């Protein structure tokens, strides 16, 4: 049986990964899995700091990996709105698709900091519950760890350049 395609995203906080994941999941008739939605429903009001995010995200990943592999093995496409912004995060995605030999696409949304910060400010207004974590300080803290994907990592990568 033909396996589904795993699509996942890299881009700084506020680059537009969530918006693009929704678009692509509809275009490709794919199951959309959002880390923010899962974390907020399983661990409500628990994530206040970057350390909290790392802890709770780590708890979610083993079961999420099994779920995604099962969906892909059934022949259904999956779009994951989970960050692939560091090499270890991308290695986790690689383990998901490579262990079951499923096709994949990494979409890198390359936006300048000013655009990301503008989108984060807009998001604070549209989603007041995120105002505590969607800050310029959080952007600066998270961006220190951001590593753009490189060819030698071996991903099928599509780059969406600034404001494309």
N, C-alpha and C. Protein backbone atom coordinates (compact mmCIF):
# COMPACT_ATOMS: atom_id res chain seq x y z
N UNK A 1 0.84 -1.18 0.00
CA UNK A 1 0.00 0.00 0.00
C UNK A 1 0.88 1.24 0.00
N UNK A 2 0.48 2.22 -0.78
CA UNK A 2 1.20 3.48 -0.85
C UNK A 2 1.02 4.26 0.45
N UNK A 3 2.11 4.79 0.98
CA UNK A 3 2.06 5.54 2.24
C UNK A 3 1.71 7.00 1.98
N UNK A 4 1.13 7.63 3.00
CA UNK A 4 0.84 9.05 2.92
C UNK A 4 2.11 9.87 3.01
N UNK A 5 2.00 11.13 2.64
CA UNK A 5 3.13 12.06 2.68
C UNK A 5 3.07 12.86 3.98
N UNK A 6 4.21 12.95 4.67
CA UNK A 6 4.33 13.77 5.87
C UNK A 6 4.86 15.14 5.46
N UNK A 7 4.11 16.19 5.78
CA UNK A 7 4.53 17.56 5.51
C UNK A 7 4.72 18.26 6.85
N UNK A 8 5.85 18.93 7.01
CA UNK A 8 6.13 19.64 8.26
C UNK A 8 6.89 20.92 7.94
N UNK A 9 7.06 21.79 8.95
CA UNK A 9 7.46 23.17 8.70
C UNK A 9 8.62 23.63 9.56
N UNK A 10 9.40 24.52 8.96
CA UNK A 10 10.48 25.21 9.65
C UNK A 10 10.28 26.70 9.38
N UNK A 11 10.47 27.50 10.41
CA UNK A 11 10.37 28.95 10.26
C UNK A 11 10.34 29.56 11.64
N UNK A 12 10.85 30.75 11.74
CA UNK A 12 10.89 31.42 13.03
C UNK A 12 9.47 31.60 13.58
N UNK A 13 9.40 31.83 14.88
CA UNK A 13 8.12 32.13 15.53
C UNK A 13 7.49 33.32 14.79
N UNK A 14 6.23 33.16 14.39
CA UNK A 14 5.53 34.23 13.68
C UNK A 14 5.74 34.23 12.17
N UNK A 15 6.45 33.25 11.63
CA UNK A 15 6.73 33.23 10.19
C UNK A 15 5.51 32.86 9.34
N UNK A 16 4.53 32.20 9.95
CA UNK A 16 3.34 31.81 9.20
C UNK A 16 3.19 30.31 9.03
N UNK A 17 3.83 29.53 9.89
CA UNK A 17 3.76 28.07 9.78
C UNK A 17 2.34 27.54 9.97
N UNK A 18 1.63 28.07 10.95
CA UNK A 18 0.27 27.58 11.22
C UNK A 18 -0.67 27.91 10.06
N UNK A 19 -0.59 29.13 9.56
CA UNK A 19 -1.44 29.53 8.43
C UNK A 19 -1.16 28.63 7.22
N UNK A 20 0.11 28.42 6.92
CA UNK A 20 0.48 27.60 5.76
C UNK A 20 0.10 26.15 5.99
N UNK A 21 0.20 25.65 7.22
CA UNK A 21 -0.16 24.25 7.48
C UNK A 21 -1.66 24.03 7.22
N UNK A 22 -2.47 25.00 7.59
CA UNK A 22 -3.92 24.88 7.34
C UNK A 22 -4.20 24.86 5.84
N UNK A 23 -3.56 25.76 5.10
CA UNK A 23 -3.75 25.81 3.64
C UNK A 23 -3.36 24.49 2.99
N UNK A 24 -2.19 24.00 3.34
CA UNK A 24 -1.68 22.79 2.70
C UNK A 24 -2.50 21.56 3.08
N UNK A 25 -2.96 21.50 4.33
CA UNK A 25 -3.77 20.33 4.72
C UNK A 25 -5.06 20.28 3.90
N UNK A 26 -5.64 21.44 3.61
CA UNK A 26 -6.85 21.45 2.78
C UNK A 26 -6.54 21.11 1.33
N UNK A 27 -5.47 21.69 0.80
CA UNK A 27 -5.08 21.42 -0.59
C UNK A 27 -4.80 19.94 -0.82
N UNK A 28 -4.20 19.28 0.16
CA UNK A 28 -3.75 17.89 0.00
C UNK A 28 -4.68 16.88 0.66
N UNK A 29 -5.82 17.36 1.15
CA UNK A 29 -6.77 16.48 1.82
C UNK A 29 -6.05 15.65 2.89
N UNK A 30 -5.32 16.35 3.75
CA UNK A 30 -4.48 15.69 4.74
C UNK A 30 -5.03 15.89 6.15
N UNK A 31 -4.64 15.00 7.03
CA UNK A 31 -4.92 15.16 8.46
C UNK A 31 -3.97 16.24 8.97
N UNK A 32 -4.52 17.24 9.65
CA UNK A 32 -3.72 18.31 10.22
C UNK A 32 -3.59 18.09 11.72
N UNK A 33 -2.36 18.04 12.20
CA UNK A 33 -2.09 17.90 13.63
C UNK A 33 -1.32 19.14 14.10
N UNK A 34 -1.89 19.85 15.06
CA UNK A 34 -1.31 21.08 15.57
C UNK A 34 -0.77 20.87 16.98
N UNK A 35 0.51 21.12 17.15
CA UNK A 35 1.11 20.97 18.47
C UNK A 35 0.45 21.92 19.47
N UNK A 36 0.22 23.16 19.08
CA UNK A 36 -0.41 24.13 20.00
C UNK A 36 -1.76 23.63 20.48
N UNK A 37 -2.56 23.09 19.57
CA UNK A 37 -3.89 22.59 19.96
C UNK A 37 -3.79 21.40 20.91
N UNK A 38 -2.90 20.47 20.61
CA UNK A 38 -2.74 19.30 21.47
C UNK A 38 -2.24 19.71 22.85
N UNK A 39 -1.22 20.57 22.87
CA UNK A 39 -0.67 20.99 24.17
C UNK A 39 -1.69 21.75 25.01
N UNK A 40 -2.45 22.64 24.38
CA UNK A 40 -3.41 23.43 25.15
C UNK A 40 -4.58 22.58 25.64
N UNK A 41 -4.92 21.51 24.92
CA UNK A 41 -6.03 20.67 25.40
C UNK A 41 -5.57 19.64 26.42
N UNK A 42 -4.37 19.10 26.29
CA UNK A 42 -3.89 18.09 27.23
C UNK A 42 -3.30 18.73 28.49
N UNK A 43 -2.63 19.86 28.31
CA UNK A 43 -1.97 20.54 29.44
C UNK A 43 -2.47 21.99 29.52
N UNK A 44 -3.76 22.19 29.79
CA UNK A 44 -4.29 23.56 29.79
C UNK A 44 -3.60 24.44 30.84
N UNK A 45 -3.30 25.66 30.41
CA UNK A 45 -2.69 26.67 31.29
C UNK A 45 -1.38 26.24 31.94
N UNK A 46 -0.68 25.29 31.34
CA UNK A 46 0.56 24.78 31.92
C UNK A 46 1.81 25.38 31.30
N UNK A 47 1.69 25.97 30.12
CA UNK A 47 2.88 26.44 29.42
C UNK A 47 2.98 27.96 29.56
N UNK A 48 3.93 28.36 30.40
CA UNK A 48 4.16 29.79 30.65
C UNK A 48 5.56 30.22 30.22
N UNK A 49 6.47 29.25 30.11
CA UNK A 49 7.86 29.55 29.79
C UNK A 49 8.37 28.61 28.70
N UNK A 50 9.53 28.93 28.17
CA UNK A 50 10.14 28.06 27.17
C UNK A 50 10.44 26.68 27.77
N UNK A 51 10.88 26.65 29.01
CA UNK A 51 11.15 25.37 29.67
C UNK A 51 9.87 24.53 29.80
N UNK A 52 8.75 25.19 30.12
CA UNK A 52 7.46 24.48 30.18
C UNK A 52 7.14 23.86 28.83
N UNK A 53 7.31 24.66 27.77
CA UNK A 53 7.03 24.16 26.41
C UNK A 53 7.89 22.93 26.12
N UNK A 54 9.17 23.02 26.41
CA UNK A 54 10.08 21.90 26.11
C UNK A 54 9.64 20.65 26.87
N UNK A 55 9.28 20.81 28.13
CA UNK A 55 8.85 19.67 28.93
C UNK A 55 7.58 19.02 28.37
N UNK A 56 6.54 19.82 28.16
CA UNK A 56 5.26 19.25 27.72
C UNK A 56 5.30 18.78 26.28
N UNK A 57 6.04 19.47 25.44
CA UNK A 57 6.20 19.01 24.06
C UNK A 57 6.89 17.65 24.03
N UNK A 58 7.90 17.50 24.89
CA UNK A 58 8.60 16.22 24.98
C UNK A 58 7.71 15.08 25.43
N UNK A 59 6.77 15.38 26.30
CA UNK A 59 5.82 14.35 26.76
C UNK A 59 4.89 13.91 25.64
N UNK A 60 4.55 14.83 24.78
CA UNK A 60 3.59 14.57 23.70
C UNK A 60 4.20 13.76 22.54
N UNK A 61 5.48 13.97 22.29
CA UNK A 61 6.09 13.44 21.06
C UNK A 61 6.07 11.93 20.88
N UNK A 62 6.31 11.10 21.91
CA UNK A 62 6.30 9.66 21.65
C UNK A 62 4.96 9.14 21.12
N UNK A 63 3.87 9.58 21.72
CA UNK A 63 2.55 9.13 21.25
C UNK A 63 2.21 9.75 19.90
N UNK A 64 2.60 10.99 19.70
CA UNK A 64 2.33 11.66 18.42
C UNK A 64 3.05 10.93 17.29
N UNK A 65 4.28 10.50 17.55
CA UNK A 65 5.04 9.78 16.53
C UNK A 65 4.30 8.51 16.11
N UNK A 66 3.83 7.74 17.09
CA UNK A 66 3.09 6.50 16.78
C UNK A 66 1.83 6.80 15.99
N UNK A 67 1.10 7.84 16.39
CA UNK A 67 -0.14 8.21 15.70
C UNK A 67 0.15 8.59 14.26
N UNK A 68 1.14 9.43 14.04
CA UNK A 68 1.46 9.89 12.68
C UNK A 68 1.91 8.72 11.81
N UNK A 69 2.74 7.85 12.36
CA UNK A 69 3.19 6.70 11.57
C UNK A 69 2.01 5.81 11.19
N UNK A 70 1.07 5.64 12.07
CA UNK A 70 -0.11 4.83 11.78
C UNK A 70 -0.95 5.46 10.68
N UNK A 71 -1.14 6.77 10.75
CA UNK A 71 -1.93 7.47 9.73
C UNK A 71 -1.22 7.39 8.37
N UNK A 72 0.08 7.65 8.36
CA UNK A 72 0.85 7.58 7.10
C UNK A 72 0.82 6.17 6.51
N UNK A 73 0.95 5.16 7.36
CA UNK A 73 0.95 3.77 6.89
C UNK A 73 -0.38 3.40 6.25
N UNK A 74 -1.45 4.09 6.66
CA UNK A 74 -2.78 3.82 6.08
C UNK A 74 -2.95 4.46 4.71
N UNK A 75 -1.94 5.25 4.29
CA UNK A 75 -2.02 5.90 2.97
C UNK A 75 -2.56 7.32 3.03
N UNK A 76 -2.76 7.84 4.22
CA UNK A 76 -3.32 9.18 4.38
C UNK A 76 -2.20 10.19 4.61
N UNK A 77 -2.29 11.34 3.95
CA UNK A 77 -1.31 12.40 4.12
C UNK A 77 -1.49 13.07 5.48
N UNK A 78 -0.38 13.51 6.06
CA UNK A 78 -0.40 14.20 7.36
C UNK A 78 0.38 15.50 7.23
N UNK A 79 -0.22 16.57 7.72
CA UNK A 79 0.46 17.86 7.83
C UNK A 79 0.62 18.13 9.32
N UNK A 80 1.86 18.34 9.74
CA UNK A 80 2.14 18.58 11.16
C UNK A 80 2.55 20.02 11.39
N UNK A 81 1.73 20.72 12.16
CA UNK A 81 2.06 22.07 12.59
C UNK A 81 2.80 21.97 13.92
N UNK A 82 3.98 21.37 13.84
CA UNK A 82 4.92 21.22 14.94
C UNK A 82 6.22 21.83 14.41
N UNK A 83 6.98 22.53 15.23
CA UNK A 83 8.18 23.18 14.68
C UNK A 83 9.30 22.20 14.34
N UNK A 84 9.95 22.50 13.22
CA UNK A 84 11.16 21.78 12.81
C UNK A 84 12.28 22.81 12.74
N UNK A 85 12.43 23.58 13.81
CA UNK A 85 13.29 24.75 13.81
C UNK A 85 14.70 24.52 14.32
N UNK A 86 14.96 23.32 14.81
CA UNK A 86 16.30 22.98 15.28
C UNK A 86 16.68 21.63 14.68
N UNK A 87 17.94 21.33 14.69
CA UNK A 87 18.37 20.04 14.15
C UNK A 87 17.75 18.88 14.93
N UNK A 88 17.73 18.89 16.27
CA UNK A 88 17.06 17.78 16.98
C UNK A 88 15.57 17.66 16.65
N UNK A 89 14.87 18.77 16.47
CA UNK A 89 13.46 18.69 16.08
C UNK A 89 13.34 18.04 14.71
N UNK A 90 14.20 18.42 13.78
CA UNK A 90 14.13 17.82 12.45
C UNK A 90 14.52 16.34 12.47
N UNK A 91 15.43 15.97 13.35
CA UNK A 91 15.78 14.54 13.49
C UNK A 91 14.57 13.73 13.96
N UNK A 92 13.75 14.32 14.83
CA UNK A 92 12.53 13.65 15.28
C UNK A 92 11.60 13.40 14.10
N UNK A 93 11.41 14.42 13.27
CA UNK A 93 10.56 14.24 12.08
C UNK A 93 11.15 13.17 11.17
N UNK A 94 12.47 13.19 10.99
CA UNK A 94 13.12 12.20 10.13
C UNK A 94 12.84 10.79 10.65
N UNK A 95 12.86 10.61 11.97
CA UNK A 95 12.59 9.29 12.53
C UNK A 95 11.15 8.86 12.22
N UNK A 96 10.24 9.79 12.21
CA UNK A 96 8.84 9.45 11.92
C UNK A 96 8.70 8.85 10.53
N UNK A 97 9.19 9.58 9.51
CA UNK A 97 8.97 9.10 8.14
C UNK A 97 9.95 8.02 7.71
N UNK A 98 11.19 8.09 8.18
CA UNK A 98 12.19 7.12 7.70
C UNK A 98 11.94 5.72 8.25
N UNK A 99 11.46 5.61 9.48
CA UNK A 99 11.22 4.30 10.07
C UNK A 99 10.15 3.51 9.31
N UNK A 100 9.26 4.21 8.63
CA UNK A 100 8.21 3.50 7.87
C UNK A 100 8.33 3.75 6.37
N UNK A 101 9.45 4.35 5.96
CA UNK A 101 9.72 4.66 4.55
C UNK A 101 8.57 5.43 3.89
N UNK A 102 8.12 6.48 4.54
CA UNK A 102 7.06 7.33 3.98
C UNK A 102 7.70 8.55 3.32
N UNK A 103 7.09 9.06 2.27
CA UNK A 103 7.61 10.29 1.66
C UNK A 103 7.35 11.49 2.57
N UNK A 104 8.12 12.55 2.35
CA UNK A 104 7.99 13.72 3.21
C UNK A 104 8.28 15.01 2.43
N UNK A 105 7.90 16.13 3.03
CA UNK A 105 8.27 17.44 2.53
C UNK A 105 8.45 18.36 3.73
N UNK A 106 9.60 19.01 3.79
CA UNK A 106 9.88 20.03 4.79
C UNK A 106 9.67 21.38 4.10
N UNK A 107 8.77 22.18 4.62
CA UNK A 107 8.54 23.51 4.06
C UNK A 107 9.18 24.53 4.99
N UNK A 108 10.15 25.26 4.44
CA UNK A 108 10.87 26.27 5.20
C UNK A 108 10.32 27.64 4.82
N UNK A 109 9.69 28.30 5.78
CA UNK A 109 9.14 29.63 5.56
C UNK A 109 10.16 30.63 6.07
N UNK A 110 10.84 31.28 5.15
CA UNK A 110 11.95 32.17 5.44
C UNK A 110 11.45 33.62 5.47
N UNK A 111 11.21 34.13 6.66
CA UNK A 111 10.72 35.50 6.83
C UNK A 111 11.71 36.30 7.67
N UNK A 112 11.86 37.58 7.39
CA UNK A 112 12.73 38.42 8.24
C UNK A 112 12.10 38.64 9.61
N UNK A 113 12.94 38.94 10.58
CA UNK A 113 12.48 39.14 11.95
C UNK A 113 11.35 40.16 12.04
N UNK A 114 11.44 41.25 11.28
CA UNK A 114 10.43 42.31 11.38
C UNK A 114 9.03 41.78 11.01
N UNK A 115 8.98 40.94 9.99
CA UNK A 115 7.69 40.36 9.57
C UNK A 115 7.17 39.43 10.67
N UNK A 116 8.04 38.61 11.21
CA UNK A 116 7.64 37.68 12.27
C UNK A 116 7.12 38.44 13.49
N UNK A 117 7.83 39.47 13.90
CA UNK A 117 7.40 40.26 15.07
C UNK A 117 6.07 40.95 14.81
N UNK A 118 5.86 41.42 13.60
CA UNK A 118 4.58 42.05 13.25
C UNK A 118 3.44 41.04 13.33
N UNK A 119 3.69 39.83 12.85
CA UNK A 119 2.65 38.80 12.90
C UNK A 119 2.38 38.33 14.32
N UNK A 120 3.42 38.31 15.15
CA UNK A 120 3.24 37.94 16.56
C UNK A 120 2.39 39.00 17.26
N UNK A 121 2.64 40.26 17.00
CA UNK A 121 1.85 41.35 17.60
C UNK A 121 0.39 41.24 17.18
N UNK A 122 0.16 40.93 15.93
CA UNK A 122 -1.21 40.76 15.42
C UNK A 122 -1.88 39.56 16.10
N UNK A 123 -1.13 38.50 16.28
CA UNK A 123 -1.65 37.28 16.90
C UNK A 123 -2.05 37.52 18.36
N UNK A 124 -1.28 38.35 19.07
CA UNK A 124 -1.63 38.69 20.46
C UNK A 124 -3.00 39.34 20.53
N UNK A 125 -3.32 40.16 19.56
CA UNK A 125 -4.62 40.84 19.52
C UNK A 125 -5.73 39.86 19.16
N UNK A 126 -5.48 39.02 18.15
CA UNK A 126 -6.49 38.07 17.67
C UNK A 126 -6.72 36.92 18.65
N UNK A 127 -5.69 36.56 19.41
CA UNK A 127 -5.76 35.44 20.36
C UNK A 127 -5.21 35.90 21.71
N UNK A 128 -6.02 36.65 22.48
CA UNK A 128 -5.53 37.21 23.75
C UNK A 128 -4.96 36.17 24.71
N UNK A 129 -5.41 34.92 24.62
CA UNK A 129 -4.90 33.87 25.49
C UNK A 129 -3.42 33.60 25.24
N UNK A 130 -2.91 34.05 24.09
CA UNK A 130 -1.50 33.82 23.76
C UNK A 130 -0.62 35.03 24.10
N UNK A 131 -1.23 36.10 24.62
CA UNK A 131 -0.48 37.33 24.88
C UNK A 131 0.68 37.13 25.84
N UNK A 132 0.53 36.20 26.76
CA UNK A 132 1.56 35.96 27.76
C UNK A 132 2.83 35.35 27.16
N UNK A 133 2.67 34.52 26.14
CA UNK A 133 3.84 33.85 25.55
C UNK A 133 4.23 34.41 24.19
N UNK A 134 3.32 35.05 23.49
CA UNK A 134 3.64 35.61 22.17
C UNK A 134 4.16 37.03 22.34
N UNK A 135 5.41 37.13 22.77
CA UNK A 135 6.02 38.42 23.05
C UNK A 135 7.33 38.56 22.27
N UNK A 136 7.80 39.79 22.18
CA UNK A 136 9.08 40.03 21.53
C UNK A 136 10.20 39.33 22.30
N UNK A 137 10.10 39.31 23.63
CA UNK A 137 11.11 38.63 24.45
C UNK A 137 11.15 37.13 24.16
N UNK A 138 9.96 36.53 24.04
CA UNK A 138 9.91 35.10 23.73
C UNK A 138 10.47 34.85 22.33
N UNK A 139 10.12 35.72 21.38
CA UNK A 139 10.66 35.60 20.02
C UNK A 139 12.19 35.60 20.06
N UNK A 140 12.77 36.56 20.78
CA UNK A 140 14.23 36.66 20.87
C UNK A 140 14.83 35.40 21.51
N UNK A 141 14.19 34.91 22.56
CA UNK A 141 14.68 33.73 23.27
C UNK A 141 14.64 32.49 22.35
N UNK A 142 13.52 32.30 21.68
CA UNK A 142 13.34 31.13 20.83
C UNK A 142 14.23 31.22 19.58
N UNK A 143 14.37 32.41 19.03
CA UNK A 143 15.13 32.59 17.79
C UNK A 143 16.61 32.27 17.99
N UNK A 144 17.11 32.38 19.21
CA UNK A 144 18.51 32.03 19.49
C UNK A 144 18.79 30.56 19.12
N UNK A 145 17.77 29.73 19.19
CA UNK A 145 17.93 28.30 18.92
C UNK A 145 17.60 27.92 17.48
N UNK A 146 17.05 28.85 16.73
CA UNK A 146 16.62 28.56 15.36
C UNK A 146 17.83 28.24 14.47
N UNK A 147 17.70 27.16 13.70
CA UNK A 147 18.72 26.77 12.73
C UNK A 147 18.01 26.45 11.42
N UNK A 148 18.32 27.23 10.39
CA UNK A 148 17.71 26.97 9.08
C UNK A 148 18.16 25.61 8.55
N UNK A 149 17.29 24.92 7.84
CA UNK A 149 17.68 23.61 7.29
C UNK A 149 18.74 23.76 6.20
N UNK A 150 19.59 22.75 6.12
CA UNK A 150 20.63 22.74 5.08
C UNK A 150 20.46 21.51 4.21
N UNK A 151 21.02 21.57 3.02
CA UNK A 151 20.91 20.45 2.07
C UNK A 151 21.48 19.16 2.64
N UNK A 152 22.56 19.27 3.41
CA UNK A 152 23.21 18.05 3.91
C UNK A 152 22.38 17.31 4.96
N UNK A 153 21.28 17.91 5.43
CA UNK A 153 20.39 17.18 6.34
C UNK A 153 19.56 16.14 5.59
N UNK A 154 19.44 16.29 4.27
CA UNK A 154 18.80 15.27 3.45
C UNK A 154 17.28 15.32 3.37
N UNK A 155 16.70 16.47 3.59
CA UNK A 155 15.24 16.58 3.50
C UNK A 155 14.81 17.03 2.11
N UNK A 156 13.59 16.65 1.72
CA UNK A 156 12.95 17.19 0.52
C UNK A 156 12.37 18.53 0.95
N UNK A 157 13.09 19.60 0.66
CA UNK A 157 12.75 20.91 1.21
C UNK A 157 12.20 21.84 0.13
N UNK A 158 11.12 22.54 0.50
CA UNK A 158 10.58 23.61 -0.31
C UNK A 158 10.75 24.88 0.51
N UNK A 159 11.33 25.91 -0.10
CA UNK A 159 11.54 27.18 0.60
C UNK A 159 10.51 28.18 0.11
N UNK A 160 9.84 28.81 1.07
CA UNK A 160 8.93 29.92 0.76
C UNK A 160 9.64 31.15 1.29
N UNK A 161 10.11 31.99 0.34
CA UNK A 161 10.90 33.16 0.71
C UNK A 161 9.99 34.28 1.23
N UNK A 162 10.62 35.27 1.81
CA UNK A 162 9.94 36.39 2.47
C UNK A 162 8.72 36.88 1.69
N UNK A 163 7.59 36.91 2.40
CA UNK A 163 6.33 37.44 1.89
C UNK A 163 5.83 36.77 0.62
N UNK A 164 6.24 35.54 0.39
CA UNK A 164 5.78 34.83 -0.81
C UNK A 164 4.41 34.25 -0.61
